[in-house]
PDB file of N, CA and C in Angstrom:
ATOM      1  N   MET A   1       0.817  -1.172   0.000  1.00  0.00           N
ATOM      2  CA  MET A   1       0.000   0.000   0.000  1.00  0.00           C
ATOM      3  C   MET A   1       0.880   1.263   0.000  1.00  0.00           C
ATOM      4  N   GLU A   2       1.948   1.234   0.778  1.00  0.00           N
ATOM      5  CA  GLU A   2       2.845   2.389   0.818  1.00  0.00           C
ATOM      6  C   GLU A   2       3.530   2.609  -0.522  1.00  0.00           C
ATOM      7  N   LYS A   3       3.856   1.515  -1.209  1.00  0.00           N
ATOM      8  CA  LYS A   3       4.501   1.624  -2.518  1.00  0.00           C
ATOM      9  C   LYS A   3       3.569   2.300  -3.520  1.00  0.00           C
ATOM     10  N   ARG A   4       2.303   1.919  -3.530  1.00  0.00           N
ATOM     11  CA  ARG A   4       1.325   2.529  -4.440  1.00  0.00           C
ATOM     12  C   ARG A   4       1.099   4.000  -4.100  1.00  0.00           C
ATOM     13  N   PHE A   5       1.017   4.292  -2.811  1.00  0.00           N
ATOM     14  CA  PHE A   5       0.852   5.678  -2.393  1.00  0.00           C
ATOM     15  C   PHE A   5       2.063   6.510  -2.810  1.00  0.00           C
ATOM     16  N   SER A   6       3.249   5.950  -2.691  1.00  0.00           N
ATOM     17  CA  SER A   6       4.471   6.633  -3.092  1.00  0.00           C
ATOM     18  C   SER A   6       4.458   6.902  -4.604  1.00  0.00           C
ATOM     19  N   MET A   7       4.006   5.924  -5.367  1.00  0.00           N
ATOM     20  CA  MET A   7       3.910   6.106  -6.820  1.00  0.00           C
ATOM     21  C   MET A   7       2.894   7.203  -7.168  1.00  0.00           C
ATOM     22  N   LEU A   8       1.757   7.206  -6.464  1.00  0.00           N
ATOM     23  CA  LEU A   8       0.735   8.221  -6.694  1.00  0.00           C
ATOM     24  C   LEU A   8       1.261   9.610  -6.349  1.00  0.00           C
ATOM     25  N   LEU A   9       1.961   9.722  -5.263  1.00  0.00           N
ATOM     26  CA  LEU A   9       2.535  10.990  -4.838  1.00  0.00           C
ATOM     27  C   LEU A   9       3.569  11.482  -5.850  1.00  0.00           C
ATOM     28  N   LYS A  10       4.390  10.590  -6.338  1.00  0.00           N
ATOM     29  CA  LYS A  10       5.391  10.951  -7.341  1.00  0.00           C
ATOM     30  C   LYS A  10       4.715  11.445  -8.620  1.00  0.00           C
ATOM     31  N   HIS A  11       3.655  10.747  -9.036  1.00  0.00           N
ATOM     32  CA  HIS A  11       2.915  11.145 -10.232  1.00  0.00           C
ATOM     33  C   HIS A  11       2.280  12.528 -10.039  1.00  0.00           C
ATOM     34  N   ALA A  12       1.710  12.775  -8.870  1.00  0.00           N
ATOM     35  CA  ALA A  12       1.091  14.070  -8.591  1.00  0.00           C
ATOM     36  C   ALA A  12       2.132  15.190  -8.645  1.00  0.00           C
ATOM     37  N   ARG A  13       3.321  14.939  -8.131  1.00  0.00           N
ATOM     38  CA  ARG A  13       4.382  15.943  -8.180  1.00  0.00           C
ATOM     39  C   ARG A  13       4.796  16.252  -9.612  1.00  0.00           C
ATOM     40  N   VAL A  14       4.882  15.222 -10.442  1.00  0.00           N
ATOM     41  CA  VAL A  14       5.238  15.421 -11.852  1.00  0.00           C
ATOM     42  C   VAL A  14       4.176  16.277 -12.548  1.00  0.00           C
ATOM     43  N   ILE A  15       2.921  15.962 -12.308  1.00  0.00           N
ATOM     44  CA  ILE A  15       1.832  16.719 -12.932  1.00  0.00           C
ATOM     45  C   ILE A  15       1.854  18.177 -12.468  1.00  0.00           C
ATOM     46  N   LEU A  16       2.034  18.413 -11.181  1.00  0.00           N
ATOM     47  CA  LEU A  16       2.085  19.782 -10.674  1.00  0.00           C
ATOM     48  C   LEU A  16       3.275  20.549 -11.239  1.00  0.00           C
ATOM     49  N   HIS A  17       4.396  19.877 -11.394  1.00  0.00           N
ATOM     50  CA  HIS A  17       5.582  20.507 -11.981  1.00  0.00           C
ATOM     51  C   HIS A  17       5.298  20.913 -13.429  1.00  0.00           C
ATOM     52  N   LYS A  18       4.678  20.023 -14.184  1.00  0.00           N
ATOM     53  CA  LYS A  18       4.349  20.336 -15.584  1.00  0.00           C
ATOM     54  C   LYS A  18       3.343  21.477 -15.671  1.00  0.00           C
ATOM     55  N   ARG A  19       2.360  21.497 -14.769  1.00  0.00           N
ATOM     56  CA  ARG A  19       1.390  22.597 -14.767  1.00  0.00           C
ATOM     57  C   ARG A  19       2.071  23.922 -14.466  1.00  0.00           C
ATOM     58  N   MET A  20       3.011  23.914 -13.538  1.00  0.00           N
ATOM     59  CA  MET A  20       3.722  25.131 -13.201  1.00  0.00           C
ATOM     60  C   MET A  20       4.505  25.643 -14.411  1.00  0.00           C
ATOM     61  N   LEU A  21       5.217  24.749 -15.089  1.00  0.00           N
ATOM     62  CA  LEU A  21       5.988  25.154 -16.265  1.00  0.00           C
ATOM     63  C   LEU A  21       5.072  25.673 -17.368  1.00  0.00           C
ATOM     64  N   MET A  22       3.931  25.031 -17.551  1.00  0.00           N
ATOM     65  CA  MET A  22       2.981  25.475 -18.568  1.00  0.00           C
ATOM     66  C   MET A  22       2.423  26.852 -18.217  1.00  0.00           C
ATOM     67  N   GLY A  23       2.170  27.106 -16.938  1.00  0.00           N
ATOM     68  CA  GLY A  23       1.686  28.413 -16.507  1.00  0.00           C
ATOM     69  C   GLY A  23       2.708  29.509 -16.765  1.00  0.00           C
ATOM     70  N   ILE A  24       3.963  29.202 -16.488  1.00  0.00           N
ATOM     71  CA  ILE A  24       5.026  30.178 -16.732  1.00  0.00           C
ATOM     72  C   ILE A  24       5.145  30.465 -18.229  1.00  0.00           C
ATOM     73  N   LEU A  25       5.103  29.424 -19.049  1.00  0.00           N
ATOM     74  CA  LEU A  25       5.189  29.587 -20.489  1.00  0.00           C
ATOM     75  C   LEU A  25       4.016  30.407 -21.015  1.00  0.00           C
ATOM     76  N   ASP A  26       2.808  30.105 -20.541  1.00  0.00           N
ATOM     77  CA  ASP A  26       1.640  30.870 -20.965  1.00  0.00           C
ATOM     78  C   ASP A  26       1.785  32.342 -20.597  1.00  0.00           C
ATOM     79  N   SER A  27       2.217  32.605 -19.383  1.00  0.00           N
ATOM     80  CA  SER A  27       2.361  33.991 -18.937  1.00  0.00           C
ATOM     81  C   SER A  27       3.393  34.739 -19.776  1.00  0.00           C
ATOM     82  N   MET A  28       4.509  34.108 -20.046  1.00  0.00           N
ATOM     83  CA  MET A  28       5.548  34.745 -20.850  1.00  0.00           C
ATOM     84  C   MET A  28       5.053  34.996 -22.272  1.00  0.00           C
ATOM     85  N   LEU A  29       4.352  34.017 -22.830  1.00  0.00           N
ATOM     86  CA  LEU A  29       3.831  34.160 -24.187  1.00  0.00           C
ATOM     87  C   LEU A  29       2.829  35.290 -24.254  1.00  0.00           C
ATOM     88  N   VAL A  30       1.934  35.347 -23.289  1.00  0.00           N
ATOM     89  CA  VAL A  30       0.897  36.374 -23.299  1.00  0.00           C
ATOM     90  C   VAL A  30       1.492  37.759 -23.077  1.00  0.00           C
ATOM     91  N   LYS A  31       2.369  37.893 -22.114  1.00  0.00           N
ATOM     92  CA  LYS A  31       2.900  39.216 -21.771  1.00  0.00           C
ATOM     93  C   LYS A  31       3.893  39.738 -22.796  1.00  0.00           C
ATOM     94  N   TYR A  32       4.765  38.875 -23.248  1.00  0.00           N
ATOM     95  CA  TYR A  32       5.875  39.359 -24.065  1.00  0.00           C
ATOM     96  C   TYR A  32       5.861  38.881 -25.511  1.00  0.00           C
ATOM     97  N   GLY A  33       5.461  37.671 -25.744  1.00  0.00           N
ATOM     98  CA  GLY A  33       5.543  37.105 -27.095  1.00  0.00           C
ATOM     99  C   GLY A  33       4.692  37.829 -28.106  1.00  0.00           C
ATOM    100  N   ALA A  34       3.425  38.022 -27.783  1.00  0.00           N
ATOM    101  CA  ALA A  34       2.525  38.682 -28.720  1.00  0.00           C
ATOM    102  C   ALA A  34       2.932  40.141 -28.931  1.00  0.00           C
ATOM    103  N   THR A  35       3.352  40.810 -27.874  1.00  0.00           N
ATOM    104  CA  THR A  35       3.761  42.210 -27.988  1.00  0.00           C
ATOM    105  C   THR A  35       5.002  42.355 -28.858  1.00  0.00           C
ATOM    106  N   MET A  36       5.976  41.484 -28.649  1.00  0.00           N
ATOM    107  CA  MET A  36       7.196  41.569 -29.459  1.00  0.00           C
ATOM    108  C   MET A  36       6.913  41.239 -30.922  1.00  0.00           C
ATOM    109  N   SER A  37       6.017  40.302 -31.166  1.00  0.00           N
ATOM    110  CA  SER A  37       5.624  40.015 -32.550  1.00  0.00           C
ATOM    111  C   SER A  37       4.976  41.240 -33.180  1.00  0.00           C
ATOM    112  N   GLY A  38       4.132  41.924 -32.412  1.00  0.00           N
ATOM    113  CA  GLY A  38       3.488  43.137 -32.915  1.00  0.00           C
ATOM    114  C   GLY A  38       4.486  44.222 -33.256  1.00  0.00           C
ATOM    115  N   TYR A  39       5.454  44.452 -32.374  1.00  0.00           N
ATOM    116  CA  TYR A  39       6.478  45.465 -32.651  1.00  0.00           C
ATOM    117  C   TYR A  39       7.310  45.097 -33.878  1.00  0.00           C
ATOM    118  N   THR A  40       7.561  43.829 -34.064  1.00  0.00           N
ATOM    119  CA  THR A  40       8.315  43.397 -35.246  1.00  0.00           C
ATOM    120  C   THR A  40       7.530  43.694 -36.518  1.00  0.00           C
ATOM    121  N   ILE A  41       6.234  43.414 -36.481  1.00  0.00           N
ATOM    122  CA  ILE A  41       5.392  43.674 -37.655  1.00  0.00           C
ATOM    123  C   ILE A  41       5.313  45.169 -37.938  1.00  0.00           C
ATOM    124  N   VAL A  42       5.212  45.979 -36.888  1.00  0.00           N
ATOM    125  CA  VAL A  42       5.141  47.429 -37.060  1.00  0.00           C
ATOM    126  C   VAL A  42       6.437  47.976 -37.662  1.00  0.00           C
ATOM    127  N   ALA A  43       7.563  47.381 -37.324  1.00  0.00           N
ATOM    128  CA  ALA A  43       8.850  47.877 -37.809  1.00  0.00           C
ATOM    129  C   ALA A  43       9.161  47.453 -39.239  1.00  0.00           C
ATOM    130  N   LEU A  44       8.446  46.485 -39.775  1.00  0.00           N
ATOM    131  CA  LEU A  44       8.756  45.991 -41.123  1.00  0.00           C
ATOM    132  C   LEU A  44       8.716  47.060 -42.211  1.00  0.00           C
ATOM    133  N   PRO A  45       7.725  47.972 -42.237  1.00  0.00           N
ATOM    134  CA  PRO A  45       7.751  48.963 -43.316  1.00  0.00           C
ATOM    135  C   PRO A  45       9.002  49.835 -43.323  1.00  0.00           C
ATOM    136  N   VAL A  46       9.529  50.148 -42.157  1.00  0.00           N
ATOM    137  CA  VAL A  46      10.685  51.039 -42.090  1.00  0.00           C
ATOM    138  C   VAL A  46      12.000  50.278 -42.238  1.00  0.00           C
ATOM    139  N   PHE A  47      12.066  49.062 -41.682  1.00  0.00           N
ATOM    140  CA  PHE A  47      13.328  48.329 -41.691  1.00  0.00           C
ATOM    141  C   PHE A  47      13.306  47.078 -42.577  1.00  0.00           C
ATOM    142  N   GLY A  48      12.177  46.750 -43.160  1.00  0.00           N
ATOM    143  CA  GLY A  48      12.035  45.521 -43.943  1.00  0.00           C
ATOM    144  C   GLY A  48      12.577  45.650 -45.352  1.00  0.00           C
ATOM    145  N   PRO A  49      12.344  44.622 -46.165  1.00  0.00           N
ATOM    146  CA  PRO A  49      12.899  44.611 -47.523  1.00  0.00           C
ATOM    147  C   PRO A  49      12.287  45.659 -48.451  1.00  0.00           C
ATOM    148  N   ASN A  50      11.061  46.112 -48.188  1.00  0.00           N
ATOM    149  CA  ASN A  50      10.416  47.104 -49.059  1.00  0.00           C
ATOM    150  C   ASN A  50      10.461  48.508 -48.460  1.00  0.00           C
ATOM    151  N   ARG A  51      11.470  48.776 -47.665  1.00  0.00           N
ATOM    152  CA  ARG A  51      11.538  50.058 -46.964  1.00  0.00           C
ATOM    153  C   ARG A  51      11.685  51.246 -47.918  1.00  0.00           C
ATOM    154  N   LYS A  52      12.363  51.060 -49.031  1.00  0.00           N
ATOM    155  CA  LYS A  52      12.556  52.177 -49.963  1.00  0.00           C
ATOM    156  C   LYS A  52      11.223  52.650 -50.527  1.00  0.00           C
ATOM    157  N   GLU A  53      10.333  51.708 -50.839  1.00  0.00           N
ATOM    158  CA  GLU A  53       9.014  52.077 -51.357  1.00  0.00           C
ATOM    159  C   GLU A  53       8.196  52.805 -50.302  1.00  0.00           C
ATOM    160  N   TYR A  54       8.251  52.317 -49.069  1.00  0.00           N
ATOM    161  CA  TYR A  54       7.506  52.964 -47.985  1.00  0.00           C
ATOM    162  C   TYR A  54       8.035  54.363 -47.722  1.00  0.00           C
ATOM    163  N   LEU A  55       9.343  54.489 -47.625  1.00  0.00           N
ATOM    164  CA  LEU A  55       9.939  55.803 -47.351  1.00  0.00           C
ATOM    165  C   LEU A  55       9.659  56.779 -48.490  1.00  0.00           C
ATOM    166  N   LYS A  56       9.605  56.273 -49.722  1.00  0.00           N
ATOM    167  CA  LYS A  56       9.279  57.128 -50.856  1.00  0.00           C
ATOM    168  C   LYS A  56       7.821  57.579 -50.775  1.00  0.00           C
ATOM    169  N   SER A  57       6.921  56.690 -50.318  1.00  0.00           N
ATOM    170  CA  SER A  57       5.497  57.034 -50.252  1.00  0.00           C
ATOM    171  C   SER A  57       5.204  58.080 -49.172  1.00  0.00           C
ATOM    172  N   VAL A  58       5.968  58.074 -48.096  1.00  0.00           N
ATOM    173  CA  VAL A  58       5.759  59.082 -47.045  1.00  0.00           C
ATOM    174  C   VAL A  58       6.682  60.283 -47.227  1.00  0.00           C
ATOM    175  N   GLY A  59       7.476  60.270 -48.251  1.00  0.00           N
ATOM    176  CA  GLY A  59       8.356  61.396 -48.529  1.00  0.00           C
ATOM    177  C   GLY A  59       9.515  61.512 -47.558  1.00  0.00           C
ATOM    178  N   ASN A  60       9.873  60.388 -46.939  1.00  0.00           N
ATOM    179  CA  ASN A  60      10.986  60.355 -45.982  1.00  0.00           C
ATOM    180  C   ASN A  60      10.783  61.360 -44.841  1.00  0.00           C
ATOM    181  N   ASP A  61       9.505  61.634 -44.541  1.00  0.00           N
ATOM    182  CA  ASP A  61       9.137  62.584 -43.486  1.00  0.00           C
ATOM    183  C   ASP A  61       9.044  61.846 -42.156  1.00  0.00           C
ATOM    184  N   SER A  62       9.888  62.235 -41.198  1.00  0.00           N
ATOM    185  CA  SER A  62       9.922  61.519 -39.926  1.00  0.00           C
ATOM    186  C   SER A  62       8.629  61.667 -39.133  1.00  0.00           C
ATOM    187  N   SER A  63       7.917  62.778 -39.288  1.00  0.00           N
ATOM    188  CA  SER A  63       6.659  62.946 -38.554  1.00  0.00           C
ATOM    189  C   SER A  63       5.590  61.977 -39.069  1.00  0.00           C
ATOM    190  N   LYS A  64       5.553  61.733 -40.370  1.00  0.00           N
ATOM    191  CA  LYS A  64       4.591  60.771 -40.931  1.00  0.00           C
ATOM    192  C   LYS A  64       4.943  59.347 -40.516  1.00  0.00           C
ATOM    193  N   ILE A  65       6.229  59.047 -40.494  1.00  0.00           N
ATOM    194  CA  ILE A  65       6.665  57.715 -40.063  1.00  0.00           C
ATOM    195  C   ILE A  65       6.291  57.490 -38.608  1.00  0.00           C
ATOM    196  N   THR A  66       6.517  58.505 -37.766  1.00  0.00           N
ATOM    197  CA  THR A  66       6.175  58.403 -36.347  1.00  0.00           C
ATOM    198  C   THR A  66       4.673  58.259 -36.161  1.00  0.00           C
ATOM    199  N   LYS A  67       3.898  59.016 -36.925  1.00  0.00           N
ATOM    200  CA  LYS A  67       2.436  58.932 -36.844  1.00  0.00           C
ATOM    201  C   LYS A  67       1.958  57.523 -37.205  1.00  0.00           C
ATOM    202  N   ASP A  68       2.485  56.967 -38.282  1.00  0.00           N
ATOM    203  CA  ASP A  68       2.133  55.598 -38.673  1.00  0.00           C
ATOM    204  C   ASP A  68       2.530  54.597 -37.596  1.00  0.00           C
ATOM    205  N   TYR A  69       3.718  54.784 -37.052  1.00  0.00           N
ATOM    206  CA  TYR A  69       4.225  53.862 -36.034  1.00  0.00           C
ATOM    207  C   TYR A  69       3.342  53.870 -34.792  1.00  0.00           C
ATOM    208  N   ILE A  70       2.987  55.039 -34.310  1.00  0.00           N
ATOM    209  CA  ILE A  70       2.184  55.137 -33.090  1.00  0.00           C
ATOM    210  C   ILE A  70       0.780  54.592 -33.325  1.00  0.00           C
ATOM    211  N   ARG A  71       0.174  54.916 -34.444  1.00  0.00           N
ATOM    212  CA  ARG A  71      -1.169  54.402 -34.753  1.00  0.00           C
ATOM    213  C   ARG A  71      -1.147  52.877 -34.844  1.00  0.00           C
ATOM    214  N   ASN A  72      -0.216  52.342 -35.579  1.00  0.00           N
ATOM    215  CA  ASN A  72      -0.147  50.890 -35.751  1.00  0.00           C
ATOM    216  C   ASN A  72       0.239  50.181 -34.455  1.00  0.00           C
ATOM    217  N   THR A  73       1.107  50.800 -33.661  1.00  0.00           N
ATOM    218  CA  THR A  73       1.514  50.197 -32.398  1.00  0.00           C
ATOM    219  C   THR A  73       0.338  50.065 -31.450  1.00  0.00           C
ATOM    220  N   SER A  74      -0.458  51.117 -31.335  1.00  0.00           N
ATOM    221  CA  SER A  74      -1.608  51.045 -30.421  1.00  0.00           C
ATOM    222  C   SER A  74      -2.593  49.978 -30.872  1.00  0.00           C
ATOM    223  N   LEU A  75      -2.805  49.855 -32.175  1.00  0.00           N
ATOM    224  CA  LEU A  75      -3.709  48.814 -32.677  1.00  0.00           C
ATOM    225  C   LEU A  75      -3.154  47.418 -32.414  1.00  0.00           C
ATOM    226  N   LEU A  76      -1.867  47.240 -32.651  1.00  0.00           N
ATOM    227  CA  LEU A  76      -1.277  45.920 -32.462  1.00  0.00           C
ATOM    228  C   LEU A  76      -1.146  45.535 -30.994  1.00  0.00           C
ATOM    229  N   ILE A  77      -0.940  46.500 -30.121  1.00  0.00           N
ATOM    230  CA  ILE A  77      -0.881  46.188 -28.687  1.00  0.00           C
ATOM    231  C   ILE A  77      -2.244  45.698 -28.220  1.00  0.00           C
ATOM    232  N   ASN A  78      -3.315  46.364 -28.666  1.00  0.00           N
ATOM    233  CA  ASN A  78      -4.653  45.901 -28.312  1.00  0.00           C
ATOM    234  C   ASN A  78      -4.923  44.512 -28.882  1.00  0.00           C
ATOM    235  N   LEU A  79      -4.463  44.268 -30.099  1.00  0.00           N
ATOM    236  CA  LEU A  79      -4.621  42.938 -30.693  1.00  0.00           C
ATOM    237  C   LEU A  79      -3.836  41.899 -29.903  1.00  0.00           C
ATOM    238  N   ALA A  80      -2.633  42.233 -29.494  1.00  0.00           N
ATOM    239  CA  ALA A  80      -1.812  41.301 -28.720  1.00  0.00           C
ATOM    240  C   ALA A  80      -2.474  40.971 -27.389  1.00  0.00           C
ATOM    241  N   LYS A  81      -3.057  41.963 -26.736  1.00  0.00           N
ATOM    242  CA  LYS A  81      -3.751  41.709 -25.476  1.00  0.00           C
ATOM    243  C   LYS A  81      -4.950  40.800 -25.682  1.00  0.00           C
ATOM    244  N   ALA A  82      -5.684  41.015 -26.757  1.00  0.00           N
ATOM    245  CA  ALA A  82      -6.848  40.170 -27.045  1.00  0.00           C
ATOM    246  C   ALA A  82      -6.421  38.734 -27.335  1.00  0.00           C
ATOM    247  N   ILE A  83      -5.359  38.567 -28.087  1.00  0.00           N
ATOM    248  CA  ILE A  83      -4.852  37.222 -28.372  1.00  0.00           C
ATOM    249  C   ILE A  83      -4.389  36.564 -27.088  1.00  0.00           C
ATOM    250  N   GLY A  84      -3.743  37.318 -26.225  1.00  0.00           N
ATOM    251  CA  GLY A  84      -3.300  36.786 -24.935  1.00  0.00           C
ATOM    252  C   GLY A  84      -4.463  36.317 -24.088  1.00  0.00           C
ATOM    253  N   ARG A  85      -5.532  37.106 -24.041  1.00  0.00           N
ATOM    254  CA  ARG A  85      -6.712  36.687 -23.281  1.00  0.00           C
ATOM    255  C   ARG A  85      -7.333  35.442 -23.894  1.00  0.00           C
ATOM    256  N   PHE A  86      -7.313  35.353 -25.215  1.00  0.00           N
ATOM    257  CA  PHE A  86      -7.851  34.171 -25.894  1.00  0.00           C
ATOM    258  C   PHE A  86      -7.030  32.931 -25.574  1.00  0.00           C
ATOM    259  N   ILE A  87      -5.722  33.071 -25.549  1.00  0.00           N
ATOM    260  CA  ILE A  87      -4.845  31.922 -25.245  1.00  0.00           C
ATOM    261  C   ILE A  87      -5.049  31.448 -23.817  1.00  0.00           C
ATOM    262  N   ILE A  88      -5.197  32.368 -22.894  1.00  0.00           N
ATOM    263  CA  ILE A  88      -5.372  32.014 -21.479  1.00  0.00           C
ATOM    264  C   ILE A  88      -6.777  31.505 -21.187  1.00  0.00           C
ATOM    265  N   SER A  89      -7.729  31.773 -22.060  1.00  0.00           N
ATOM    266  CA  SER A  89      -9.118  31.407 -21.781  1.00  0.00           C
ATOM    267  C   SER A  89      -9.324  29.900 -21.640  1.00  0.00           C
ATOM    268  N   TYR A  90      -8.432  29.075 -22.151  1.00  0.00           N
ATOM    269  CA  TYR A  90      -8.610  27.636 -22.022  1.00  0.00           C
ATOM    270  C   TYR A  90      -8.581  27.200 -20.564  1.00  0.00           C
ATOM    271  N   LYS A  91      -7.938  27.985 -19.706  1.00  0.00           N
ATOM    272  CA  LYS A  91      -7.882  27.635 -18.289  1.00  0.00           C
ATOM    273  C   LYS A  91      -9.251  27.772 -17.625  1.00  0.00           C
ATOM    274  N   GLU A  92     -10.068  28.681 -18.139  1.00  0.00           N
ATOM    275  CA  GLU A  92     -11.387  28.907 -17.552  1.00  0.00           C
ATOM    276  C   GLU A  92     -12.410  27.871 -17.993  1.00  0.00           C
ATOM    277  N   ILE A  93     -12.120  27.179 -19.063  1.00  0.00           N
ATOM    278  CA  ILE A  93     -13.083  26.209 -19.596  1.00  0.00           C
ATOM    279  C   ILE A  93     -13.048  24.919 -18.848  1.00  0.00           C
TER     280      ILE A  93
END
């Protein structure tokens, strides 16, 4: 009986350890992963392969580039937060 209880206890510890690691991964993904992906997407027009076309379309005006960056950043941050809430929602189900 003690051997079976010991096996059950060991199994419970393994499961709790895996849940803890999954929680940490989820938190990191939600807080940082989606946001960093958003910032990368926002930076593509200025630093990506088609940057010359983008800079030509805005006339190489830093105020227009900043305006685009801030508008797109706020939209993508809200999108990242929504995706994060969606990813975490499986815990509530």
